[in-house]
Amino acid sequence: MKKNMGSADRVVRVLLAVLFAILYFTGTVTGTFGLVLLVLGGIFLLTSLVSFCPLYAPFGIRTCPANKG
């Protein structure tokens, strides 16, 4: 897996994951929609930790800077 996510993309995903968790655990968002947001937040957190987004790959999207070499 080559990295395809830059720092800004990773930070935004972590912040969204934290926001989704706060909304769910404070009871602001409940039910099926709350669970969907919680799962989506987990996916965002996981993809930001590994710096790879599987949805970016088929479209050739890369938000990380080009390697110098």
N, C-alpha and C. Protein backbone atom coordinates (compact mmCIF):
# COMPACT_ATOMS: atom_id res chain seq x y z
N MET A 1 0.83 -1.18 0.00
CA MET A 1 0.00 0.00 0.00
C MET A 1 0.87 1.25 0.00
N LYS A 2 0.77 2.02 -1.04
CA LYS A 2 1.47 3.30 -1.08
C LYS A 2 0.60 4.34 -0.40
N LYS A 3 1.24 5.25 0.29
CA LYS A 3 0.51 6.34 0.93
C LYS A 3 -0.10 7.23 -0.13
N ASN A 4 -1.36 7.60 0.08
CA ASN A 4 -2.00 8.51 -0.87
C ASN A 4 -2.74 9.65 -0.16
N MET A 5 -2.44 9.84 1.13
CA MET A 5 -3.09 10.90 1.90
C MET A 5 -2.04 11.83 2.50
N GLY A 6 -2.25 13.12 2.35
CA GLY A 6 -1.36 14.11 2.92
C GLY A 6 -1.76 14.46 4.35
N SER A 7 -0.96 15.30 4.96
CA SER A 7 -1.16 15.66 6.37
C SER A 7 -2.49 16.37 6.59
N ALA A 8 -2.83 17.30 5.73
CA ALA A 8 -4.08 18.04 5.91
C ALA A 8 -5.29 17.11 5.83
N ASP A 9 -5.26 16.20 4.89
CA ASP A 9 -6.34 15.22 4.72
C ASP A 9 -6.46 14.35 5.98
N ARG A 10 -5.34 13.93 6.52
CA ARG A 10 -5.33 13.08 7.71
C ARG A 10 -5.88 13.83 8.92
N VAL A 11 -5.49 15.10 9.08
CA VAL A 11 -5.97 15.89 10.22
C VAL A 11 -7.47 16.09 10.14
N VAL A 12 -7.97 16.39 8.94
CA VAL A 12 -9.41 16.59 8.77
C VAL A 12 -10.17 15.32 9.12
N ARG A 13 -9.66 14.17 8.70
CA ARG A 13 -10.33 12.91 9.00
C ARG A 13 -10.34 12.60 10.50
N VAL A 14 -9.23 12.88 11.17
CA VAL A 14 -9.18 12.64 12.62
C VAL A 14 -10.17 13.56 13.34
N LEU A 15 -10.21 14.82 12.93
CA LEU A 15 -11.14 15.77 13.55
C LEU A 15 -12.59 15.35 13.31
N LEU A 16 -12.90 14.88 12.11
CA LEU A 16 -14.26 14.41 11.84
C LEU A 16 -14.59 13.17 12.67
N ALA A 17 -13.63 12.28 12.81
CA ALA A 17 -13.85 11.08 13.62
C ALA A 17 -14.13 11.46 15.08
N VAL A 18 -13.38 12.41 15.60
CA VAL A 18 -13.61 12.87 16.98
C VAL A 18 -14.97 13.54 17.09
N LEU A 19 -15.32 14.36 16.13
CA LEU A 19 -16.63 15.03 16.14
C LEU A 19 -17.77 14.01 16.11
N PHE A 20 -17.66 13.01 15.23
CA PHE A 20 -18.70 11.98 15.15
C PHE A 20 -18.82 11.21 16.46
N ALA A 21 -17.69 10.90 17.08
CA ALA A 21 -17.73 10.19 18.36
C ALA A 21 -18.38 11.04 19.45
N ILE A 22 -18.05 12.32 19.49
CA ILE A 22 -18.65 13.22 20.49
C ILE A 22 -20.16 13.30 20.27
N LEU A 23 -20.58 13.47 19.03
CA LEU A 23 -22.01 13.56 18.74
C LEU A 23 -22.74 12.29 19.15
N TYR A 24 -22.11 11.14 18.93
CA TYR A 24 -22.76 9.87 19.27
C TYR A 24 -22.80 9.65 20.78
N PHE A 25 -21.66 9.82 21.44
CA PHE A 25 -21.59 9.49 22.86
C PHE A 25 -22.26 10.52 23.76
N THR A 26 -22.52 11.73 23.28
CA THR A 26 -23.29 12.69 24.06
C THR A 26 -24.79 12.54 23.83
N GLY A 27 -25.16 11.70 22.89
CA GLY A 27 -26.57 11.46 22.62
C GLY A 27 -27.19 12.48 21.68
N THR A 28 -26.37 13.32 21.08
CA THR A 28 -26.89 14.31 20.13
C THR A 28 -27.42 13.62 18.88
N VAL A 29 -26.71 12.61 18.41
CA VAL A 29 -27.14 11.81 17.26
C VAL A 29 -27.32 10.38 17.74
N THR A 30 -28.51 9.85 17.52
CA THR A 30 -28.80 8.50 18.02
C THR A 30 -29.36 7.63 16.90
N GLY A 31 -29.64 6.42 17.24
CA GLY A 31 -30.26 5.49 16.30
C GLY A 31 -29.32 5.03 15.21
N THR A 32 -29.92 4.65 14.10
CA THR A 32 -29.16 4.12 12.98
C THR A 32 -28.19 5.15 12.43
N PHE A 33 -28.64 6.38 12.33
CA PHE A 33 -27.77 7.44 11.81
C PHE A 33 -26.55 7.63 12.71
N GLY A 34 -26.75 7.55 14.00
CA GLY A 34 -25.64 7.67 14.95
C GLY A 34 -24.64 6.54 14.79
N LEU A 35 -25.13 5.33 14.61
CA LEU A 35 -24.23 4.20 14.41
C LEU A 35 -23.46 4.31 13.09
N VAL A 36 -24.14 4.78 12.06
CA VAL A 36 -23.48 4.97 10.77
C VAL A 36 -22.36 6.00 10.91
N LEU A 37 -22.63 7.10 11.61
CA LEU A 37 -21.59 8.11 11.82
C LEU A 37 -20.44 7.55 12.64
N LEU A 38 -20.73 6.75 13.65
CA LEU A 38 -19.69 6.15 14.47
C LEU A 38 -18.80 5.21 13.65
N VAL A 39 -19.39 4.40 12.81
CA VAL A 39 -18.62 3.49 11.95
C VAL A 39 -17.80 4.30 10.94
N LEU A 40 -18.40 5.32 10.36
CA LEU A 40 -17.69 6.18 9.41
C LEU A 40 -16.51 6.87 10.09
N GLY A 41 -16.70 7.31 11.32
CA GLY A 41 -15.62 7.92 12.08
C GLY A 41 -14.49 6.93 12.32
N GLY A 42 -14.84 5.68 12.61
CA GLY A 42 -13.81 4.64 12.79
C GLY A 42 -13.02 4.40 11.52
N ILE A 43 -13.72 4.41 10.39
CA ILE A 43 -13.04 4.23 9.10
C ILE A 43 -12.12 5.41 8.82
N PHE A 44 -12.61 6.63 9.10
CA PHE A 44 -11.77 7.82 8.92
C PHE A 44 -10.52 7.74 9.78
N LEU A 45 -10.68 7.32 11.02
CA LEU A 45 -9.54 7.22 11.93
C LEU A 45 -8.54 6.18 11.43
N LEU A 46 -9.03 5.04 11.00
CA LEU A 46 -8.15 3.98 10.52
C LEU A 46 -7.40 4.41 9.26
N THR A 47 -8.10 5.01 8.31
CA THR A 47 -7.44 5.42 7.08
C THR A 47 -6.42 6.53 7.33
N SER A 48 -6.70 7.39 8.30
CA SER A 48 -5.73 8.45 8.59
C SER A 48 -4.49 7.89 9.29
N LEU A 49 -4.64 6.83 10.06
CA LEU A 49 -3.50 6.23 10.73
C LEU A 49 -2.57 5.52 9.76
N VAL A 50 -3.13 4.90 8.72
CA VAL A 50 -2.30 4.19 7.75
C VAL A 50 -1.96 5.04 6.52
N SER A 51 -2.50 6.25 6.45
CA SER A 51 -2.25 7.20 5.34
C SER A 51 -2.64 6.64 3.99
N PHE A 52 -3.65 5.80 3.97
CA PHE A 52 -4.09 5.22 2.71
C PHE A 52 -5.61 5.19 2.68
N CYS A 53 -6.19 5.72 1.61
CA CYS A 53 -7.64 5.68 1.42
C CYS A 53 -7.94 4.80 0.21
N PRO A 54 -8.63 3.68 0.42
CA PRO A 54 -8.92 2.78 -0.70
C PRO A 54 -9.79 3.41 -1.78
N LEU A 55 -10.58 4.40 -1.45
CA LEU A 55 -11.41 5.05 -2.46
C LEU A 55 -10.62 5.99 -3.35
N TYR A 56 -9.48 6.46 -2.88
CA TYR A 56 -8.63 7.33 -3.69
C TYR A 56 -7.92 6.54 -4.78
N ALA A 57 -7.56 5.30 -4.50
CA ALA A 57 -6.72 4.50 -5.41
C ALA A 57 -7.31 4.33 -6.82
N PRO A 58 -8.58 3.91 -6.97
CA PRO A 58 -9.09 3.71 -8.34
C PRO A 58 -9.16 5.00 -9.16
N PHE A 59 -9.28 6.13 -8.48
CA PHE A 59 -9.40 7.40 -9.18
C PHE A 59 -8.06 8.11 -9.35
N GLY A 60 -7.00 7.53 -8.77
CA GLY A 60 -5.67 8.13 -8.89
C GLY A 60 -5.50 9.39 -8.09
N ILE A 61 -6.29 9.56 -7.05
CA ILE A 61 -6.20 10.77 -6.22
C ILE A 61 -5.09 10.58 -5.20
N ARG A 62 -4.24 11.60 -5.08
CA ARG A 62 -3.17 11.61 -4.08
C ARG A 62 -3.14 13.00 -3.47
N THR A 63 -3.28 13.08 -2.15
CA THR A 63 -3.21 14.36 -1.47
C THR A 63 -1.88 14.53 -0.76
N CYS A 64 -1.01 13.54 -0.88
CA CYS A 64 0.32 13.66 -0.26
C CYS A 64 1.28 14.28 -1.26
N PRO A 65 2.30 14.96 -0.74
CA PRO A 65 3.26 15.59 -1.65
C PRO A 65 4.05 14.53 -2.43
N ALA A 66 4.48 14.91 -3.61
CA ALA A 66 5.25 14.00 -4.46
C ALA A 66 6.61 13.71 -3.82
N ASN A 67 7.05 12.46 -3.94
CA ASN A 67 8.35 12.08 -3.39
C ASN A 67 9.47 12.68 -4.23
N LYS A 68 10.45 13.22 -3.55
CA LYS A 68 11.62 13.75 -4.27
C LYS A 68 12.63 12.62 -4.40
N GLY A 69 13.10 12.42 -5.55
CA GLY A 69 14.07 11.34 -5.70
C GLY A 69 14.40 11.09 -7.06
